Amino acid sequence: GSEVERILTMVEGVLLLVDASEGPLPQTRFVLKKSIEGNKRPIVL
């Protein structure tokens, strides 16, 4: 958790890649939630 939050303070945006066969995993949802909370605009592929 803290590693994701630390990295998000260093970036300007977020590119979130979701595997079509597996779908979003719990970690994917966590990173998406933290990026939105950090006022980052994620681009989801």
PDB file of N, CA and C in Angstrom:
ATOM      1  N   GLY A   1       0.787  -1.190   0.000  1.00  0.00           N
ATOM      2  CA  GLY A   1       0.000   0.000   0.000  1.00  0.00           C
ATOM      3  C   GLY A   1       0.832   1.259   0.000  1.00  0.00           C
ATOM      4  N   SER A   2       1.803   1.344   0.914  1.00  0.00           N
ATOM      5  CA  SER A   2       2.570   2.586   1.019  1.00  0.00           C
ATOM      6  C   SER A   2       3.465   2.796  -0.194  1.00  0.00           C
ATOM      7  N   GLU A   3       3.911   1.706  -0.837  1.00  0.00           N
ATOM      8  CA  GLU A   3       4.741   1.842  -2.035  1.00  0.00           C
ATOM      9  C   GLU A   3       3.940   2.487  -3.162  1.00  0.00           C
ATOM     10  N   VAL A   4       2.701   2.071  -3.333  1.00  0.00           N
ATOM     11  CA  VAL A   4       1.836   2.654  -4.365  1.00  0.00           C
ATOM     12  C   VAL A   4       1.624   4.133  -4.086  1.00  0.00           C
ATOM     13  N   GLU A   5       1.318   4.468  -2.843  1.00  0.00           N
ATOM     14  CA  GLU A   5       1.081   5.867  -2.482  1.00  0.00           C
ATOM     15  C   GLU A   5       2.331   6.715  -2.695  1.00  0.00           C
ATOM     16  N   ARG A   6       3.502   6.166  -2.383  1.00  0.00           N
ATOM     17  CA  ARG A   6       4.756   6.901  -2.567  1.00  0.00           C
ATOM     18  C   ARG A   6       5.025   7.147  -4.053  1.00  0.00           C
ATOM     19  N   ILE A   7       4.829   6.127  -4.877  1.00  0.00           N
ATOM     20  CA  ILE A   7       5.053   6.272  -6.320  1.00  0.00           C
ATOM     21  C   ILE A   7       4.082   7.288  -6.918  1.00  0.00           C
ATOM     22  N   LEU A   8       2.826   7.273  -6.462  1.00  0.00           N
ATOM     23  CA  LEU A   8       1.829   8.196  -7.013  1.00  0.00           C
ATOM     24  C   LEU A   8       2.165   9.656  -6.724  1.00  0.00           C
ATOM     25  N   THR A   9       2.973   9.920  -5.701  1.00  0.00           N
ATOM     26  CA  THR A   9       3.385  11.303  -5.448  1.00  0.00           C
ATOM     27  C   THR A   9       4.444  11.761  -6.445  1.00  0.00           C
ATOM     28  N   MET A  10       5.074  10.815  -7.161  1.00  0.00           N
ATOM     29  CA  MET A  10       6.164  11.137  -8.085  1.00  0.00           C
ATOM     30  C   MET A  10       5.725  11.251  -9.539  1.00  0.00           C
ATOM     31  N   VAL A  11       4.491  10.874  -9.851  1.00  0.00           N
ATOM     32  CA  VAL A  11       4.054  10.839 -11.248  1.00  0.00           C
ATOM     33  C   VAL A  11       2.997  11.901 -11.527  1.00  0.00           C
ATOM     34  N   GLU A  12       2.823  12.207 -12.803  1.00  0.00           N
ATOM     35  CA  GLU A  12       1.822  13.193 -13.208  1.00  0.00           C
ATOM     36  C   GLU A  12       0.530  12.544 -13.684  1.00  0.00           C
ATOM     37  N   GLY A  13       0.608  11.290 -14.083  1.00  0.00           N
ATOM     38  CA  GLY A  13      -0.572  10.594 -14.583  1.00  0.00           C
ATOM     39  C   GLY A  13      -0.438   9.103 -14.369  1.00  0.00           C
ATOM     40  N   VAL A  14      -1.497   8.376 -14.706  1.00  0.00           N
ATOM     41  CA  VAL A  14      -1.533   6.934 -14.482  1.00  0.00           C
ATOM     42  C   VAL A  14      -2.068   6.248 -15.731  1.00  0.00           C
ATOM     43  N   LEU A  15      -1.347   5.233 -16.188  1.00  0.00           N
ATOM     44  CA  LEU A  15      -1.802   4.382 -17.278  1.00  0.00           C
ATOM     45  C   LEU A  15      -2.090   3.020 -16.666  1.00  0.00           C
ATOM     46  N   LEU A  16      -3.343   2.606 -16.683  1.00  0.00           N
ATOM     47  CA  LEU A  16      -3.767   1.366 -16.037  1.00  0.00           C
ATOM     48  C   LEU A  16      -4.120   0.354 -17.110  1.00  0.00           C
ATOM     49  N   LEU A  17      -3.370  -0.743 -17.162  1.00  0.00           N
ATOM     50  CA  LEU A  17      -3.578  -1.789 -18.159  1.00  0.00           C
ATOM     51  C   LEU A  17      -4.264  -2.974 -17.492  1.00  0.00           C
ATOM     52  N   VAL A  18      -5.438  -3.360 -18.003  1.00  0.00           N
ATOM     53  CA  VAL A  18      -6.208  -4.471 -17.444  1.00  0.00           C
ATOM     54  C   VAL A  18      -6.191  -5.621 -18.444  1.00  0.00           C
ATOM     55  N   ASP A  19      -5.784  -6.802 -17.984  1.00  0.00           N
ATOM     56  CA  ASP A  19      -5.762  -8.004 -18.816  1.00  0.00           C
ATOM     57  C   ASP A  19      -7.201  -8.431 -19.114  1.00  0.00           C
ATOM     58  N   ALA A  20      -7.542  -8.547 -20.386  1.00  0.00           N
ATOM     59  CA  ALA A  20      -8.920  -8.868 -20.774  1.00  0.00           C
ATOM     60  C   ALA A  20      -9.337 -10.263 -20.323  1.00  0.00           C
ATOM     61  N   SER A  21      -8.407 -11.202 -20.245  1.00  0.00           N
ATOM     62  CA  SER A  21      -8.786 -12.564 -19.856  1.00  0.00           C
ATOM     63  C   SER A  21      -8.983 -12.702 -18.350  1.00  0.00           C
ATOM     64  N   GLU A  22      -8.219 -11.951 -17.548  1.00  0.00           N
ATOM     65  CA  GLU A  22      -8.339 -12.043 -16.091  1.00  0.00           C
ATOM     66  C   GLU A  22      -9.246 -10.974 -15.507  1.00  0.00           C
ATOM     67  N   GLY A  23      -9.368  -9.855 -16.193  1.00  0.00           N
ATOM     68  CA  GLY A  23     -10.169  -8.755 -15.668  1.00  0.00           C
ATOM     69  C   GLY A  23      -9.434  -8.034 -14.548  1.00  0.00           C
ATOM     70  N   PRO A  24     -10.076  -7.050 -13.946  1.00  0.00           N
ATOM     71  CA  PRO A  24      -9.416  -6.305 -12.871  1.00  0.00           C
ATOM     72  C   PRO A  24      -9.268  -7.157 -11.612  1.00  0.00           C
ATOM     73  N   LEU A  25      -8.078  -7.163 -11.058  1.00  0.00           N
ATOM     74  CA  LEU A  25      -7.782  -7.882  -9.820  1.00  0.00           C
ATOM     75  C   LEU A  25      -7.866  -6.916  -8.646  1.00  0.00           C
ATOM     76  N   PRO A  26      -7.860  -7.414  -7.413  1.00  0.00           N
ATOM     77  CA  PRO A  26      -7.932  -6.520  -6.245  1.00  0.00           C
ATOM     78  C   PRO A  26      -6.843  -5.440  -6.240  1.00  0.00           C
ATOM     79  N   GLN A  27      -5.623  -5.798  -6.686  1.00  0.00           N
ATOM     80  CA  GLN A  27      -4.549  -4.803  -6.729  1.00  0.00           C
ATOM     81  C   GLN A  27      -4.867  -3.703  -7.734  1.00  0.00           C
ATOM     82  N   THR A  28      -5.513  -4.079  -8.839  1.00  0.00           N
ATOM     83  CA  THR A  28      -5.889  -3.102  -9.860  1.00  0.00           C
ATOM     84  C   THR A  28      -6.868  -2.090  -9.286  1.00  0.00           C
ATOM     85  N   ARG A  29      -7.854  -2.588  -8.578  1.00  0.00           N
ATOM     86  CA  ARG A  29      -8.847  -1.697  -7.967  1.00  0.00           C
ATOM     87  C   ARG A  29      -8.196  -0.782  -6.936  1.00  0.00           C
ATOM     88  N   PHE A  30      -7.232  -1.313  -6.170  1.00  0.00           N
ATOM     89  CA  PHE A  30      -6.545  -0.518  -5.152  1.00  0.00           C
ATOM     90  C   PHE A  30      -5.762   0.624  -5.795  1.00  0.00           C
ATOM     91  N   VAL A  31      -5.006   0.311  -6.840  1.00  0.00           N
ATOM     92  CA  VAL A  31      -4.207   1.337  -7.522  1.00  0.00           C
ATOM     93  C   VAL A  31      -5.118   2.377  -8.165  1.00  0.00           C
ATOM     94  N   LEU A  32      -6.211   1.943  -8.770  1.00  0.00           N
ATOM     95  CA  LEU A  32      -7.161   2.879  -9.371  1.00  0.00           C
ATOM     96  C   LEU A  32      -7.750   3.799  -8.314  1.00  0.00           C
ATOM     97  N   LYS A  33      -8.157   3.240  -7.186  1.00  0.00           N
ATOM     98  CA  LYS A  33      -8.731   4.043  -6.098  1.00  0.00           C
ATOM     99  C   LYS A  33      -7.727   5.069  -5.588  1.00  0.00           C
ATOM    100  N   LYS A  34      -6.482   4.638  -5.369  1.00  0.00           N
ATOM    101  CA  LYS A  34      -5.457   5.550  -4.852  1.00  0.00           C
ATOM    102  C   LYS A  34      -5.112   6.631  -5.871  1.00  0.00           C
ATOM    103  N   SER A  35      -5.102   6.299  -7.149  1.00  0.00           N
ATOM    104  CA  SER A  35      -4.791   7.307  -8.163  1.00  0.00           C
ATOM    105  C   SER A  35      -5.894   8.358  -8.239  1.00  0.00           C
ATOM    106  N   ILE A  36      -7.138   7.938  -8.119  1.00  0.00           N
ATOM    107  CA  ILE A  36      -8.252   8.892  -8.134  1.00  0.00           C
ATOM    108  C   ILE A  36      -8.212   9.768  -6.886  1.00  0.00           C
ATOM    109  N   GLU A  37      -7.936   9.158  -5.736  1.00  0.00           N
ATOM    110  CA  GLU A  37      -7.818   9.934  -4.497  1.00  0.00           C
ATOM    111  C   GLU A  37      -6.678  10.945  -4.579  1.00  0.00           C
ATOM    112  N   GLY A  38      -5.631  10.615  -5.343  1.00  0.00           N
ATOM    113  CA  GLY A  38      -4.489  11.509  -5.492  1.00  0.00           C
ATOM    114  C   GLY A  38      -4.658  12.509  -6.618  1.00  0.00           C
ATOM    115  N   ASN A  39      -5.877  12.652  -7.131  1.00  0.00           N
ATOM    116  CA  ASN A  39      -6.196  13.596  -8.212  1.00  0.00           C
ATOM    117  C   ASN A  39      -5.411  13.322  -9.489  1.00  0.00           C
ATOM    118  N   LYS A  40      -5.112  12.049  -9.735  1.00  0.00           N
ATOM    119  CA  LYS A  40      -4.485  11.644 -10.998  1.00  0.00           C
ATOM    120  C   LYS A  40      -5.603  11.199 -11.929  1.00  0.00           C
ATOM    121  N   ARG A  41      -5.457  11.476 -13.197  1.00  0.00           N
ATOM    122  CA  ARG A  41      -6.466  11.069 -14.170  1.00  0.00           C
ATOM    123  C   ARG A  41      -5.983   9.800 -14.856  1.00  0.00           C
ATOM    124  N   PRO A  42      -6.518   8.646 -14.458  1.00  0.00           N
ATOM    125  CA  PRO A  42      -6.051   7.391 -15.055  1.00  0.00           C
ATOM    126  C   PRO A  42      -6.575   7.196 -16.470  1.00  0.00           C
ATOM    127  N   ILE A  43      -5.722   6.644 -17.305  1.00  0.00           N
ATOM    128  CA  ILE A  43      -6.110   6.191 -18.638  1.00  0.00           C
ATOM    129  C   ILE A  43      -6.174   4.677 -18.539  1.00  0.00           C
ATOM    130  N   VAL A  44      -7.348   4.103 -18.774  1.00  0.00           N
ATOM    131  CA  VAL A  44      -7.545   2.663 -18.618  1.00  0.00           C
ATOM    132  C   VAL A  44      -7.557   2.004 -19.986  1.00  0.00           C
ATOM    133  N   LEU A  45      -6.717   0.976 -20.154  1.00  0.00           N
ATOM    134  CA  LEU A  45      -6.657   0.201 -21.399  1.00  0.00           C
ATOM    135  C   LEU A  45      -7.093  -1.213 -21.125  1.00  0.00           C
TER     136      LEU A  45
END
